[in-house]
Amino acid sequence: MPSIVNQIETVQGDINRCEKRLDKLERKLRLQTHSDEERKALKEEEKDLRKQLDQNNKSLKNLRQENRKSMVVSVAILVLVLAGYYFIYKPYQ
């Protein structure tokens, strides 16, 4: 099972690829002339890419939230360990 950080990196890579493809597609639609059928196909691909981009952004948001939760748990455990160490070994000083 990949870690949250690896999943975040994967989703960010997917987002970057979608954004680059979307940029190329938008540029192609603006700068070149196309038949109605080609334009319709390009618009449909653009719509699909935007949908995929939205899904990836939502997924990234959820992964980052999960990563924050993990970090908070890690910090809480660290504080408990340090507090335990402080209370156990302080009387011997």
PDB file of N, CA and C in Angstrom:
ATOM      1  N   MET A   1       0.842  -1.181   0.000  1.00  0.00           N
ATOM      2  CA  MET A   1       0.000   0.000   0.000  1.00  0.00           C
ATOM      3  C   MET A   1       0.883   1.239   0.000  1.00  0.00           C
ATOM      4  N   PRO A   2       0.719   2.113  -0.998  1.00  0.00           N
ATOM      5  CA  PRO A   2       1.560   3.305  -1.062  1.00  0.00           C
ATOM      6  C   PRO A   2       1.234   4.281   0.064  1.00  0.00           C
ATOM      7  N   SER A   3       2.236   5.026   0.459  1.00  0.00           N
ATOM      8  CA  SER A   3       2.028   6.001   1.532  1.00  0.00           C
ATOM      9  C   SER A   3       1.219   7.183   1.011  1.00  0.00           C
ATOM     10  N   ILE A   4       0.745   7.981   1.930  1.00  0.00           N
ATOM     11  CA  ILE A   4      -0.054   9.153   1.567  1.00  0.00           C
ATOM     12  C   ILE A   4       0.778  10.114   0.721  1.00  0.00           C
ATOM     13  N   VAL A   5       2.040  10.263   1.064  1.00  0.00           N
ATOM     14  CA  VAL A   5       2.907  11.171   0.315  1.00  0.00           C
ATOM     15  C   VAL A   5       3.060  10.691  -1.128  1.00  0.00           C
ATOM     16  N   ASN A   6       3.237   9.383  -1.315  1.00  0.00           N
ATOM     17  CA  ASN A   6       3.336   8.836  -2.675  1.00  0.00           C
ATOM     18  C   ASN A   6       2.037   9.042  -3.446  1.00  0.00           C
ATOM     19  N   GLN A   7       0.919   8.865  -2.768  1.00  0.00           N
ATOM     20  CA  GLN A   7      -0.371   9.081  -3.419  1.00  0.00           C
ATOM     21  C   GLN A   7      -0.545  10.542  -3.812  1.00  0.00           C
ATOM     22  N   ILE A   8      -0.109  11.454  -2.943  1.00  0.00           N
ATOM     23  CA  ILE A   8      -0.179  12.889  -3.246  1.00  0.00           C
ATOM     24  C   ILE A   8       0.666  13.199  -4.478  1.00  0.00           C
ATOM     25  N   GLU A   9       1.881  12.664  -4.523  1.00  0.00           N
ATOM     26  CA  GLU A   9       2.759  12.901  -5.669  1.00  0.00           C
ATOM     27  C   GLU A   9       2.149  12.362  -6.954  1.00  0.00           C
ATOM     28  N   THR A  10       1.529  11.195  -6.884  1.00  0.00           N
ATOM     29  CA  THR A  10       0.888  10.601  -8.058  1.00  0.00           C
ATOM     30  C   THR A  10      -0.257  11.470  -8.556  1.00  0.00           C
ATOM     31  N   VAL A  11      -1.093  11.920  -7.636  1.00  0.00           N
ATOM     32  CA  VAL A  11      -2.241  12.752  -8.018  1.00  0.00           C
ATOM     33  C   VAL A  11      -1.753  14.091  -8.573  1.00  0.00           C
ATOM     34  N   GLN A  12      -0.716  14.665  -7.979  1.00  0.00           N
ATOM     35  CA  GLN A  12      -0.175  15.923  -8.494  1.00  0.00           C
ATOM     36  C   GLN A  12       0.379  15.739  -9.905  1.00  0.00           C
ATOM     37  N   GLY A  13       1.021  14.618 -10.158  1.00  0.00           N
ATOM     38  CA  GLY A  13       1.507  14.314 -11.504  1.00  0.00           C
ATOM     39  C   GLY A  13       0.359  14.201 -12.490  1.00  0.00           C
ATOM     40  N   ASP A  14      -0.719  13.535 -12.068  1.00  0.00           N
ATOM     41  CA  ASP A  14      -1.905  13.415 -12.925  1.00  0.00           C
ATOM     42  C   ASP A  14      -2.498  14.789 -13.217  1.00  0.00           C
ATOM     43  N   ILE A  15      -2.547  15.640 -12.199  1.00  0.00           N
ATOM     44  CA  ILE A  15      -3.083  16.994 -12.377  1.00  0.00           C
ATOM     45  C   ILE A  15      -2.221  17.778 -13.376  1.00  0.00           C
ATOM     46  N   ASN A  16      -0.912  17.671 -13.235  1.00  0.00           N
ATOM     47  CA  ASN A  16      -0.016  18.378 -14.155  1.00  0.00           C
ATOM     48  C   ASN A  16      -0.206  17.902 -15.592  1.00  0.00           C
ATOM     49  N   ARG A  17      -0.319  16.588 -15.775  1.00  0.00           N
ATOM     50  CA  ARG A  17      -0.533  16.050 -17.123  1.00  0.00           C
ATOM     51  C   ARG A  17      -1.867  16.523 -17.699  1.00  0.00           C
ATOM     52  N   CYS A  18      -2.911  16.522 -16.878  1.00  0.00           N
ATOM     53  CA  CYS A  18      -4.226  16.995 -17.335  1.00  0.00           C
ATOM     54  C   CYS A  18      -4.174  18.468 -17.716  1.00  0.00           C
ATOM     55  N   GLU A  19      -3.496  19.269 -16.893  1.00  0.00           N
ATOM     56  CA  GLU A  19      -3.419  20.700 -17.178  1.00  0.00           C
ATOM     57  C   GLU A  19      -2.654  20.971 -18.467  1.00  0.00           C
ATOM     58  N   LYS A  20      -1.558  20.230 -18.681  1.00  0.00           N
ATOM     59  CA  LYS A  20      -0.791  20.409 -19.915  1.00  0.00           C
ATOM     60  C   LYS A  20      -1.616  20.009 -21.133  1.00  0.00           C
ATOM     61  N   ARG A  21      -2.297  18.867 -21.040  1.00  0.00           N
ATOM     62  CA  ARG A  21      -3.126  18.407 -22.155  1.00  0.00           C
ATOM     63  C   ARG A  21      -4.275  19.385 -22.405  1.00  0.00           C
ATOM     64  N   LEU A  22      -4.869  19.891 -21.356  1.00  0.00           N
ATOM     65  CA  LEU A  22      -5.962  20.852 -21.481  1.00  0.00           C
ATOM     66  C   LEU A  22      -5.474  22.144 -22.136  1.00  0.00           C
ATOM     67  N   ASP A  23      -4.290  22.592 -21.764  1.00  0.00           N
ATOM     68  CA  ASP A  23      -3.706  23.791 -22.358  1.00  0.00           C
ATOM     69  C   ASP A  23      -3.486  23.590 -23.855  1.00  0.00           C
ATOM     70  N   LYS A  24      -2.916  22.449 -24.221  1.00  0.00           N
ATOM     71  CA  LYS A  24      -2.694  22.154 -25.640  1.00  0.00           C
ATOM     72  C   LYS A  24      -4.016  22.100 -26.400  1.00  0.00           C
ATOM     73  N   LEU A  25      -4.999  21.497 -25.787  1.00  0.00           N
ATOM     74  CA  LEU A  25      -6.313  21.360 -26.403  1.00  0.00           C
ATOM     75  C   LEU A  25      -6.973  22.722 -26.601  1.00  0.00           C
ATOM     76  N   GLU A  26      -6.913  23.568 -25.581  1.00  0.00           N
ATOM     77  CA  GLU A  26      -7.500  24.910 -25.687  1.00  0.00           C
ATOM     78  C   GLU A  26      -6.791  25.734 -26.760  1.00  0.00           C
ATOM     79  N   ARG A  27      -5.475  25.623 -26.804  1.00  0.00           N
ATOM     80  CA  ARG A  27      -4.704  26.342 -27.809  1.00  0.00           C
ATOM     81  C   ARG A  27      -5.080  25.857 -29.211  1.00  0.00           C
ATOM     82  N   LYS A  28      -5.221  24.558 -29.342  1.00  0.00           N
ATOM     83  CA  LYS A  28      -5.594  23.975 -30.633  1.00  0.00           C
ATOM     84  C   LYS A  28      -6.981  24.456 -31.062  1.00  0.00           C
ATOM     85  N   LEU A  29      -7.903  24.528 -30.130  1.00  0.00           N
ATOM     86  CA  LEU A  29      -9.249  25.001 -30.449  1.00  0.00           C
ATOM     87  C   LEU A  29      -9.262  26.478 -30.860  1.00  0.00           C
ATOM     88  N   ARG A  30      -8.418  27.266 -30.222  1.00  0.00           N
ATOM     89  CA  ARG A  30      -8.383  28.703 -30.498  1.00  0.00           C
ATOM     90  C   ARG A  30      -7.672  29.033 -31.801  1.00  0.00           C
ATOM     91  N   LEU A  31      -6.552  28.365 -32.038  1.00  0.00           N
ATOM     92  CA  LEU A  31      -5.669  28.800 -33.120  1.00  0.00           C
ATOM     93  C   LEU A  31      -5.881  28.073 -34.449  1.00  0.00           C
ATOM     94  N   GLN A  32      -6.526  26.939 -34.433  1.00  0.00           N
ATOM     95  CA  GLN A  32      -6.697  26.176 -35.667  1.00  0.00           C
ATOM     96  C   GLN A  32      -8.170  26.097 -36.026  1.00  0.00           C
ATOM     97  N   THR A  33      -8.413  25.962 -37.307  1.00  0.00           N
ATOM     98  CA  THR A  33      -9.789  25.779 -37.753  1.00  0.00           C
ATOM     99  C   THR A  33     -10.064  24.287 -37.863  1.00  0.00           C
ATOM    100  N   HIS A  34     -11.249  23.904 -37.475  1.00  0.00           N
ATOM    101  CA  HIS A  34     -11.636  22.505 -37.454  1.00  0.00           C
ATOM    102  C   HIS A  34     -13.035  22.360 -38.031  1.00  0.00           C
ATOM    103  N   SER A  35     -13.309  21.172 -38.513  1.00  0.00           N
ATOM    104  CA  SER A  35     -14.672  20.893 -38.951  1.00  0.00           C
ATOM    105  C   SER A  35     -15.553  20.799 -37.708  1.00  0.00           C
ATOM    106  N   ASP A  36     -16.844  20.858 -37.917  1.00  0.00           N
ATOM    107  CA  ASP A  36     -17.774  20.784 -36.784  1.00  0.00           C
ATOM    108  C   ASP A  36     -17.588  19.492 -36.003  1.00  0.00           C
ATOM    109  N   GLU A  37     -17.349  18.414 -36.703  1.00  0.00           N
ATOM    110  CA  GLU A  37     -17.174  17.115 -36.047  1.00  0.00           C
ATOM    111  C   GLU A  37     -15.891  17.087 -35.208  1.00  0.00           C
ATOM    112  N   GLU A  38     -14.798  17.611 -35.770  1.00  0.00           N
ATOM    113  CA  GLU A  38     -13.533  17.664 -35.029  1.00  0.00           C
ATOM    114  C   GLU A  38     -13.659  18.576 -33.810  1.00  0.00           C
ATOM    115  N   ARG A  39     -14.293  19.734 -34.017  1.00  0.00           N
ATOM    116  CA  ARG A  39     -14.474  20.682 -32.911  1.00  0.00           C
ATOM    117  C   ARG A  39     -15.302  20.050 -31.793  1.00  0.00           C
ATOM    118  N   LYS A  40     -16.342  19.325 -32.176  1.00  0.00           N
ATOM    119  CA  LYS A  40     -17.197  18.665 -31.184  1.00  0.00           C
ATOM    120  C   LYS A  40     -16.400  17.616 -30.398  1.00  0.00           C
ATOM    121  N   ALA A  41     -15.568  16.856 -31.099  1.00  0.00           N
ATOM    122  CA  ALA A  41     -14.738  15.842 -30.436  1.00  0.00           C
ATOM    123  C   ALA A  41     -13.736  16.503 -29.487  1.00  0.00           C
ATOM    124  N   LEU A  42     -13.142  17.604 -29.930  1.00  0.00           N
ATOM    125  CA  LEU A  42     -12.179  18.312 -29.073  1.00  0.00           C
ATOM    126  C   LEU A  42     -12.872  18.908 -27.848  1.00  0.00           C
ATOM    127  N   LYS A  43     -14.063  19.451 -28.053  1.00  0.00           N
ATOM    128  CA  LYS A  43     -14.822  20.005 -26.922  1.00  0.00           C
ATOM    129  C   LYS A  43     -15.193  18.904 -25.927  1.00  0.00           C
ATOM    130  N   GLU A  44     -15.544  17.739 -26.442  1.00  0.00           N
ATOM    131  CA  GLU A  44     -15.882  16.608 -25.569  1.00  0.00           C
ATOM    132  C   GLU A  44     -14.660  16.160 -24.770  1.00  0.00           C
ATOM    133  N   GLU A  45     -13.501  16.117 -25.435  1.00  0.00           N
ATOM    134  CA  GLU A  45     -12.263  15.764 -24.734  1.00  0.00           C
ATOM    135  C   GLU A  45     -11.935  16.812 -23.679  1.00  0.00           C
ATOM    136  N   GLU A  46     -12.154  18.085 -24.004  1.00  0.00           N
ATOM    137  CA  GLU A  46     -11.920  19.157 -23.046  1.00  0.00           C
ATOM    138  C   GLU A  46     -12.824  18.990 -21.821  1.00  0.00           C
ATOM    139  N   LYS A  47     -14.081  18.678 -22.070  1.00  0.00           N
ATOM    140  CA  LYS A  47     -15.033  18.463 -20.978  1.00  0.00           C
ATOM    141  C   LYS A  47     -14.589  17.302 -20.087  1.00  0.00           C
ATOM    142  N   ASP A  48     -14.150  16.205 -20.708  1.00  0.00           N
ATOM    143  CA  ASP A  48     -13.681  15.046 -19.945  1.00  0.00           C
ATOM    144  C   ASP A  48     -12.437  15.381 -19.127  1.00  0.00           C
ATOM    145  N   LEU A  49     -11.526  16.133 -19.724  1.00  0.00           N
ATOM    146  CA  LEU A  49     -10.310  16.521 -19.005  1.00  0.00           C
ATOM    147  C   LEU A  49     -10.634  17.416 -17.811  1.00  0.00           C
ATOM    148  N   ARG A  50     -11.557  18.344 -17.998  1.00  0.00           N
ATOM    149  CA  ARG A  50     -11.944  19.222 -16.880  1.00  0.00           C
ATOM    150  C   ARG A  50     -12.582  18.411 -15.752  1.00  0.00           C
ATOM    151  N   LYS A  51     -13.390  17.433 -16.127  1.00  0.00           N
ATOM    152  CA  LYS A  51     -14.019  16.566 -15.129  1.00  0.00           C
ATOM    153  C   LYS A  51     -12.955  15.775 -14.366  1.00  0.00           C
ATOM    154  N   GLN A  52     -12.001  15.210 -15.100  1.00  0.00           N
ATOM    155  CA  GLN A  52     -10.915  14.459 -14.474  1.00  0.00           C
ATOM    156  C   GLN A  52     -10.073  15.367 -13.578  1.00  0.00           C
ATOM    157  N   LEU A  53      -9.834  16.588 -14.027  1.00  0.00           N
ATOM    158  CA  LEU A  53      -9.060  17.547 -13.247  1.00  0.00           C
ATOM    159  C   LEU A  53      -9.775  17.886 -11.945  1.00  0.00           C
ATOM    160  N   ASP A  54     -11.078  18.081 -12.004  1.00  0.00           N
ATOM    161  CA  ASP A  54     -11.857  18.347 -10.786  1.00  0.00           C
ATOM    162  C   ASP A  54     -11.783  17.172  -9.816  1.00  0.00           C
ATOM    163  N   GLN A  55     -11.902  15.954 -10.342  1.00  0.00           N
ATOM    164  CA  GLN A  55     -11.827  14.763  -9.486  1.00  0.00           C
ATOM    165  C   GLN A  55     -10.455  14.652  -8.840  1.00  0.00           C
ATOM    166  N   ASN A  56      -9.407  14.909  -9.614  1.00  0.00           N
ATOM    167  CA  ASN A  56      -8.053  14.838  -9.063  1.00  0.00           C
ATOM    168  C   ASN A  56      -7.820  15.909  -8.009  1.00  0.00           C
ATOM    169  N   ASN A  57      -8.359  17.099  -8.222  1.00  0.00           N
ATOM    170  CA  ASN A  57      -8.210  18.163  -7.219  1.00  0.00           C
ATOM    171  C   ASN A  57      -8.935  17.805  -5.923  1.00  0.00           C
ATOM    172  N   LYS A  58     -10.114  17.213  -6.031  1.00  0.00           N
ATOM    173  CA  LYS A  58     -10.832  16.770  -4.833  1.00  0.00           C
ATOM    174  C   LYS A  58     -10.049  15.680  -4.115  1.00  0.00           C
ATOM    175  N   SER A  59      -9.508  14.755  -4.880  1.00  0.00           N
ATOM    176  CA  SER A  59      -8.719  13.667  -4.297  1.00  0.00           C
ATOM    177  C   SER A  59      -7.480  14.229  -3.598  1.00  0.00           C
ATOM    178  N   LEU A  60      -6.829  15.187  -4.236  1.00  0.00           N
ATOM    179  CA  LEU A  60      -5.644  15.813  -3.642  1.00  0.00           C
ATOM    180  C   LEU A  60      -5.997  16.520  -2.340  1.00  0.00           C
ATOM    181  N   LYS A  61      -7.114  17.204  -2.327  1.00  0.00           N
ATOM    182  CA  LYS A  61      -7.563  17.893  -1.109  1.00  0.00           C
ATOM    183  C   LYS A  61      -7.776  16.886   0.020  1.00  0.00           C
ATOM    184  N   ASN A  62      -8.427  15.764  -0.285  1.00  0.00           N
ATOM    185  CA  ASN A  62      -8.673  14.732   0.731  1.00  0.00           C
ATOM    186  C   ASN A  62      -7.368  14.099   1.215  1.00  0.00           C
ATOM    187  N   LEU A  63      -6.437  13.852   0.300  1.00  0.00           N
ATOM    188  CA  LEU A  63      -5.155  13.267   0.688  1.00  0.00           C
ATOM    189  C   LEU A  63      -4.359  14.220   1.581  1.00  0.00           C
ATOM    190  N   ARG A  64      -4.396  15.492   1.266  1.00  0.00           N
ATOM    191  CA  ARG A  64      -3.682  16.467   2.100  1.00  0.00           C
ATOM    192  C   ARG A  64      -4.301  16.555   3.489  1.00  0.00           C
ATOM    193  N   GLN A  65      -5.618  16.464   3.540  1.00  0.00           N
ATOM    194  CA  GLN A  65      -6.301  16.479   4.837  1.00  0.00           C
ATOM    195  C   GLN A  65      -5.897  15.235   5.647  1.00  0.00           C
ATOM    196  N   GLU A  66      -5.846  14.101   4.997  1.00  0.00           N
ATOM    197  CA  GLU A  66      -5.432  12.866   5.669  1.00  0.00           C
ATOM    198  C   GLU A  66      -3.978  12.971   6.127  1.00  0.00           C
ATOM    199  N   ASN A  67      -3.147  13.591   5.324  1.00  0.00           N
ATOM    200  CA  ASN A  67      -1.741  13.781   5.688  1.00  0.00           C
ATOM    201  C   ASN A  67      -1.614  14.674   6.920  1.00  0.00           C
ATOM    202  N   ARG A  68      -2.442  15.724   7.001  1.00  0.00           N
ATOM    203  CA  ARG A  68      -2.444  16.594   8.183  1.00  0.00           C
ATOM    204  C   ARG A  68      -2.837  15.825   9.434  1.00  0.00           C
ATOM    205  N   LYS A  69      -3.859  14.973   9.304  1.00  0.00           N
ATOM    206  CA  LYS A  69      -4.294  14.172  10.447  1.00  0.00           C
ATOM    207  C   LYS A  69      -3.166  13.266  10.925  1.00  0.00           C
ATOM    208  N   SER A  70      -2.472  12.638   9.998  1.00  0.00           N
ATOM    209  CA  SER A  70      -1.355  11.755  10.357  1.00  0.00           C
ATOM    210  C   SER A  70      -0.253  12.529  11.063  1.00  0.00           C
ATOM    211  N   MET A  71       0.012  13.739  10.582  1.00  0.00           N
ATOM    212  CA  MET A  71       1.043  14.547  11.200  1.00  0.00           C
ATOM    213  C   MET A  71       0.652  14.922  12.632  1.00  0.00           C
ATOM    214  N   VAL A  72      -0.608  15.275  12.847  1.00  0.00           N
ATOM    215  CA  VAL A  72      -1.077  15.643  14.184  1.00  0.00           C
ATOM    216  C   VAL A  72      -0.936  14.453  15.128  1.00  0.00           C
ATOM    217  N   VAL A  73      -1.289  13.266  14.657  1.00  0.00           N
ATOM    218  CA  VAL A  73      -1.148  12.065  15.491  1.00  0.00           C
ATOM    219  C   VAL A  73       0.329  11.828  15.818  1.00  0.00           C
ATOM    220  N   SER A  74       1.204  11.994  14.838  1.00  0.00           N
ATOM    221  CA  SER A  74       2.644  11.809  15.069  1.00  0.00           C
ATOM    222  C   SER A  74       3.182  12.794  16.101  1.00  0.00           C
ATOM    223  N   VAL A  75       2.771  14.039  15.985  1.00  0.00           N
ATOM    224  CA  VAL A  75       3.226  15.060  16.947  1.00  0.00           C
ATOM    225  C   VAL A  75       2.682  14.749  18.335  1.00  0.00           C
ATOM    226  N   ALA A  76       1.435  14.304  18.424  1.00  0.00           N
ATOM    227  CA  ALA A  76       0.854  13.963  19.728  1.00  0.00           C
ATOM    228  C   ALA A  76       1.619  12.807  20.370  1.00  0.00           C
ATOM    229  N   ILE A  77       1.968  11.809  19.582  1.00  0.00           N
ATOM    230  CA  ILE A  77       2.741  10.665  20.110  1.00  0.00           C
ATOM    231  C   ILE A  77       4.107  11.140  20.578  1.00  0.00           C
ATOM    232  N   LEU A  78       4.747  12.013  19.798  1.00  0.00           N
ATOM    233  CA  LEU A  78       6.053  12.540  20.176  1.00  0.00           C
ATOM    234  C   LEU A  78       5.968  13.312  21.497  1.00  0.00           C
ATOM    235  N   VAL A  79       4.940  14.122  21.657  1.00  0.00           N
ATOM    236  CA  VAL A  79       4.760  14.886  22.895  1.00  0.00           C
ATOM    237  C   VAL A  79       4.564  13.943  24.081  1.00  0.00           C
ATOM    238  N   LEU A  80       3.765  12.894  23.893  1.00  0.00           N
ATOM    239  CA  LEU A  80       3.554  11.922  24.976  1.00  0.00           C
ATOM    240  C   LEU A  80       4.848  11.210  25.359  1.00  0.00           C
ATOM    241  N   VAL A  81       5.635  10.837  24.367  1.00  0.00           N
ATOM    242  CA  VAL A  81       6.913  10.170  24.648  1.00  0.00           C
ATOM    243  C   VAL A  81       7.852  11.118  25.393  1.00  0.00           C
ATOM    244  N   LEU A  82       7.930  12.363  24.931  1.00  0.00           N
ATOM    245  CA  LEU A  82       8.800  13.325  25.611  1.00  0.00           C
ATOM    246  C   LEU A  82       8.317  13.621  27.026  1.00  0.00           C
ATOM    247  N   ALA A  83       6.999  13.723  27.210  1.00  0.00           N
ATOM    248  CA  ALA A  83       6.460  13.957  28.553  1.00  0.00           C
ATOM    249  C   ALA A  83       6.763  12.760  29.452  1.00  0.00           C
ATOM    250  N   GLY A  84       6.595  11.563  28.945  1.00  0.00           N
ATOM    251  CA  GLY A  84       6.922  10.363  29.718  1.00  0.00           C
ATOM    252  C   GLY A  84       8.388  10.325  30.091  1.00  0.00           C
ATOM    253  N   TYR A  85       9.251  10.635  29.148  1.00  0.00           N
ATOM    254  CA  TYR A  85      10.684  10.662  29.408  1.00  0.00           C
ATOM    255  C   TYR A  85      11.010  11.705  30.479  1.00  0.00           C
ATOM    256  N   TYR A  86      10.406  12.868  30.374  1.00  0.00           N
ATOM    257  CA  TYR A  86      10.662  13.944  31.315  1.00  0.00           C
ATOM    258  C   TYR A  86      10.244  13.539  32.732  1.00  0.00           C
ATOM    259  N   PHE A  87       9.053  12.944  32.874  1.00  0.00           N
ATOM    260  CA  PHE A  87       8.542  12.583  34.208  1.00  0.00           C
ATOM    261  C   PHE A  87       9.240  11.356  34.774  1.00  0.00           C
ATOM    262  N   ILE A  88       9.695  10.470  33.942  1.00  0.00           N
ATOM    263  CA  ILE A  88      10.353   9.250  34.444  1.00  0.00           C
ATOM    264  C   ILE A  88      11.780   9.544  34.875  1.00  0.00           C
ATOM    265  N   TYR A  89      12.518  10.311  34.085  1.00  0.00           N
ATOM    266  CA  TYR A  89      13.939  10.507  34.368  1.00  0.00           C
ATOM    267  C   TYR A  89      14.259  11.787  35.129  1.00  0.00           C
ATOM    268  N   LYS A  90      13.311  12.682  35.324  1.00  0.00           N
ATOM    269  CA  LYS A  90      13.586  13.915  36.043  1.00  0.00           C
ATOM    270  C   LYS A  90      13.881  13.665  37.523  1.00  0.00           C
ATOM    271  N   PRO A  91      13.208  12.747  38.223  1.00  0.00           N
ATOM    272  CA  PRO A  91      13.517  12.560  39.641  1.00  0.00           C
ATOM    273  C   PRO A  91      14.958  12.102  39.906  1.00  0.00           C
ATOM    274  N   TYR A  92      15.612  11.488  38.934  1.00  0.00           N
ATOM    275  CA  TYR A  92      16.953  10.973  39.146  1.00  0.00           C
ATOM    276  C   TYR A  92      18.036  12.007  38.947  1.00  0.00           C
ATOM    277  N   GLN A  93      17.663  13.228  38.608  1.00  0.00           N
ATOM    278  CA  GLN A  93      18.680  14.248  38.382  1.00  0.00           C
ATOM    279  C   GLN A  93      19.011  15.011  39.620  1.00  0.00           C
TER     280      GLN A  93
END
